[in-house]
């Protein structure tokens, strides 16, 4: 098997999608490895999980560094780790255009809706308010427009009678855990790595 692509996962919290990527990367036929887990909060619970799994972790604080210094530091940290791609997994920061430009077509994000519908915050509630019959999850390439980059993969999740934003979010999250590794592999296949 050819060398595996080095992926960094950026998180802000518990890191359940990061964990799904980490466990998927343990498969012998997975085309990527998780080279680094980092984010904007040095005490994010997902960082401890990554460390426990033997993954390199960088504990950065956007609050302490300030936005511009944080993204410059993040860029250096990723490059020093030999990272080739970035997977945003519950990373709750708007990524500035200057940073995106340094990683053009190499940043992926997962969003809990069928983009372009219900971009931004509270997509499950947006779907419920709209009376949608289906929602779902989307993995897309990050560009300068919020939740608007090219779609790599999507998967539908039905909206059930009596759903709340929480119950819908929980079902979508289960789908995200399978979808994200598949989407990264599909993107890498297209990139001929």
Protein backbone atom coordinates (compact mmCIF):
# COMPACT_ATOMS: atom_id res chain seq x y z
CA UNK A 1 0.00 0.00 0.00
CA UNK A 2 1.23 3.50 -0.82
CA UNK A 3 2.01 5.86 2.00
CA UNK A 4 -1.02 7.10 3.82
CA UNK A 5 -2.09 10.74 3.77
CA UNK A 6 -1.35 12.59 7.00
CA UNK A 7 -4.51 14.18 8.39
CA UNK A 8 -4.86 16.58 11.30
CA UNK A 9 -8.19 16.70 13.10
CA UNK A 10 -9.28 20.01 14.64
CA UNK A 11 -11.75 19.87 17.52
CA UNK A 12 -13.27 22.18 20.13
CA UNK A 13 -14.98 19.64 22.39
CA UNK A 14 -15.48 15.94 23.02
CA UNK A 15 -14.24 14.86 19.60
CA UNK A 16 -16.68 12.08 18.70
CA UNK A 17 -16.08 12.55 14.95
CA UNK A 18 -12.34 12.72 15.66
CA UNK A 19 -12.63 9.37 17.46
CA UNK A 20 -14.49 7.88 14.48
CA UNK A 21 -11.70 9.05 12.17
CA UNK A 22 -9.02 7.77 14.54
CA UNK A 23 -10.59 4.31 14.75
CA UNK A 24 -11.21 4.17 10.98
CA UNK A 25 -7.54 5.00 10.40
CA UNK A 26 -6.53 1.85 12.32
CA UNK A 27 -7.79 -0.32 9.43
CA UNK A 28 -4.98 -1.68 7.28
CA UNK A 29 -6.64 -0.48 4.08
CA UNK A 30 -7.40 3.05 5.28
CA UNK A 31 -5.73 5.62 2.97
CA UNK A 32 -5.10 8.11 5.78
CA UNK A 33 -3.57 8.30 9.22
CA UNK A 34 -4.33 10.75 11.99
CA UNK A 35 -1.04 12.58 12.41
CA UNK A 36 -2.20 15.23 14.88
CA UNK A 37 -5.22 16.29 16.90
CA UNK A 38 -5.46 19.91 17.95
CA UNK A 39 -7.96 22.73 18.15
CA UNK A 40 -8.74 25.99 19.84
CA UNK A 41 -9.27 24.84 23.45
CA UNK A 42 -6.35 23.25 25.30
CA UNK A 43 -8.72 21.44 27.68
CA UNK A 44 -11.07 19.98 25.03
CA UNK A 45 -12.01 16.46 26.23
CA UNK A 46 -11.24 14.94 22.82
CA UNK A 47 -7.55 15.80 23.21
CA UNK A 48 -7.25 13.43 26.17
CA UNK A 49 -8.84 10.64 24.11
CA UNK A 50 -6.37 11.24 21.27
CA UNK A 51 -3.45 11.17 23.71
CA UNK A 52 -4.75 7.93 25.25
CA UNK A 53 -4.76 6.44 21.73
CA UNK A 54 -1.14 7.48 21.18
CA UNK A 55 -1.92 10.29 18.72
CA UNK A 56 0.17 13.48 18.78
CA UNK A 57 -1.73 16.38 20.34
CA UNK A 58 -1.07 20.13 20.29
CA UNK A 59 -2.88 22.07 23.01
CA UNK A 60 -3.47 25.55 21.59
CA UNK A 61 -5.67 28.30 23.03
CA UNK A 62 -7.39 30.68 20.65
CA UNK A 63 -8.58 32.65 23.67
CA UNK A 64 -5.06 33.23 24.96
CA UNK A 65 -3.40 33.79 21.58
CA UNK A 66 -6.05 35.89 19.84
CA UNK A 67 -7.50 35.03 16.43
CA UNK A 68 -4.66 36.08 14.11
CA UNK A 69 -1.83 34.69 16.23
CA UNK A 70 -3.83 31.51 16.86
CA UNK A 71 -4.30 30.71 13.17
CA UNK A 72 -0.65 31.53 12.39
CA UNK A 73 0.44 29.26 15.26
CA UNK A 74 -1.98 26.56 14.11
CA UNK A 75 -0.59 26.74 10.56
CA UNK A 76 3.00 26.35 11.82
CA UNK A 77 1.99 23.49 14.11
CA UNK A 78 0.29 21.63 11.25
CA UNK A 79 3.22 22.14 8.88
CA UNK A 80 5.76 21.11 11.53
CA UNK A 81 3.77 17.89 11.97
CA UNK A 82 3.92 17.10 8.25
CA UNK A 83 0.15 17.31 7.89
CA UNK A 84 -1.27 17.16 4.36
CA UNK A 85 -5.00 17.51 5.04
CA UNK A 86 -7.17 18.99 7.77
CA UNK A 87 -10.48 17.56 9.01
CA UNK A 88 -12.64 19.93 11.02
CA UNK A 89 -14.61 17.85 13.52
CA UNK A 90 -16.65 20.04 15.80
CA UNK A 91 -14.13 22.86 15.45
CA UNK A 92 -16.26 25.82 16.50
CA UNK A 93 -14.32 28.66 14.89
CA UNK A 94 -14.83 30.50 11.64
CA UNK A 95 -11.67 29.72 9.69
CA UNK A 96 -10.25 32.93 8.17
CA UNK A 97 -9.78 33.21 4.43
CA UNK A 98 -6.03 33.73 4.86
CA UNK A 99 -5.71 30.33 6.56
CA UNK A 100 -7.98 28.61 4.02
CA UNK A 101 -5.80 30.02 1.24
CA UNK A 102 -2.74 28.29 2.70
CA UNK A 103 -4.59 24.95 2.64
CA UNK A 104 -6.69 25.30 -0.53
CA UNK A 105 -8.76 22.17 -1.24
CA UNK A 106 -7.15 20.38 1.72
CA UNK A 107 -9.57 21.30 4.53
CA UNK A 108 -12.71 19.22 5.04
CA UNK A 109 -15.64 19.89 7.32
CA UNK A 110 -18.63 17.82 8.38
CA UNK A 111 -21.96 19.58 8.84
CA UNK A 112 -25.21 18.11 10.23
CA UNK A 113 -27.52 18.94 7.32
CA UNK A 114 -27.86 18.28 3.62
CA UNK A 115 -26.02 21.35 2.42
CA UNK A 116 -26.76 23.80 0.93
CA UNK A 117 -29.84 23.56 3.16
CA UNK A 118 -29.50 24.67 6.76
CA UNK A 119 -25.99 26.07 6.80
CA UNK A 120 -24.61 27.72 9.92
CA UNK A 121 -25.77 27.22 13.48
CA UNK A 122 -28.64 25.04 14.71
CA UNK A 123 -29.25 23.13 11.45
CA UNK A 124 -31.39 20.48 13.14
CA UNK A 125 -33.76 23.12 14.51
CA UNK A 126 -33.75 24.82 11.10
CA UNK A 127 -34.85 21.51 9.52
CA UNK A 128 -37.60 21.03 12.11
CA UNK A 129 -38.82 24.62 11.73
CA UNK A 130 -38.94 24.10 7.97
CA UNK A 131 -41.00 20.91 8.28
CA UNK A 132 -38.33 18.93 6.42
CA UNK A 133 -38.96 15.21 5.89
CA UNK A 134 -35.23 14.51 5.73
CA UNK A 135 -32.07 16.01 7.04
CA UNK A 136 -28.64 14.44 7.11
CA UNK A 137 -24.93 15.06 7.06
CA UNK A 138 -22.55 16.59 4.53
CA UNK A 139 -18.79 16.46 4.20
CA UNK A 140 -17.53 19.37 2.14
CA UNK A 141 -14.32 21.10 1.19
CA UNK A 142 -13.92 24.32 3.13
CA UNK A 143 -13.77 27.55 1.16
CA UNK A 144 -14.19 31.21 2.09
CA UNK A 145 -17.99 30.95 2.29
CA UNK A 146 -19.53 29.36 5.40
CA UNK A 147 -20.68 25.78 4.76
CA UNK A 148 -20.64 26.40 1.01
CA UNK A 149 -17.63 24.49 -0.34
CA UNK A 150 -17.87 21.61 -2.82
CA UNK A 151 -19.70 18.59 -1.43
CA UNK A 152 -17.62 15.41 -1.12
CA UNK A 153 -20.31 13.13 0.35
CA UNK A 154 -23.80 13.38 1.84
CA UNK A 155 -26.11 10.97 3.60
CA UNK A 156 -29.79 11.43 4.40
CA UNK A 157 -31.38 10.94 7.81
CA UNK A 158 -35.18 10.91 8.09
CA UNK A 159 -36.91 13.42 10.33
CA UNK A 160 -39.24 11.35 12.51
CA UNK A 161 -42.55 12.40 14.06
CA UNK A 162 -41.87 13.85 17.50
CA UNK A 163 -38.23 14.60 16.74
CA UNK A 164 -36.57 17.35 18.72
CA UNK A 165 -33.40 19.12 17.68
CA UNK A 166 -31.52 16.83 20.13
CA UNK A 167 -32.99 13.51 18.92
CA UNK A 168 -32.41 14.48 15.30
CA UNK A 169 -28.86 15.63 16.10
CA UNK A 170 -28.11 12.31 17.84
CA UNK A 171 -29.24 10.27 14.82
CA UNK A 172 -27.33 12.49 12.41
CA UNK A 173 -24.19 12.16 14.54
CA UNK A 174 -24.32 8.36 14.21
CA UNK A 175 -24.36 8.78 10.42
CA UNK A 176 -21.53 11.33 10.57
CA UNK A 177 -19.26 8.80 12.27
CA UNK A 178 -19.46 6.47 9.26
CA UNK A 179 -19.66 9.20 6.61
CA UNK A 180 -16.58 11.24 7.52
CA UNK A 181 -13.98 8.47 7.06
CA UNK A 182 -15.66 7.43 3.79
CA UNK A 183 -15.61 10.99 2.51
CA UNK A 184 -11.93 11.52 3.33
CA UNK A 185 -11.06 8.26 1.57
CA UNK A 186 -13.14 9.32 -1.46
CA UNK A 187 -11.46 12.71 -1.60
CA UNK A 188 -8.01 11.14 -1.38
CA UNK A 189 -8.92 8.69 -4.13
CA UNK A 190 -9.84 11.63 -6.39
CA UNK A 191 -6.58 13.33 -5.50
CA UNK A 192 -4.74 10.19 -6.73
CA UNK A 193 -2.70 9.79 -3.56
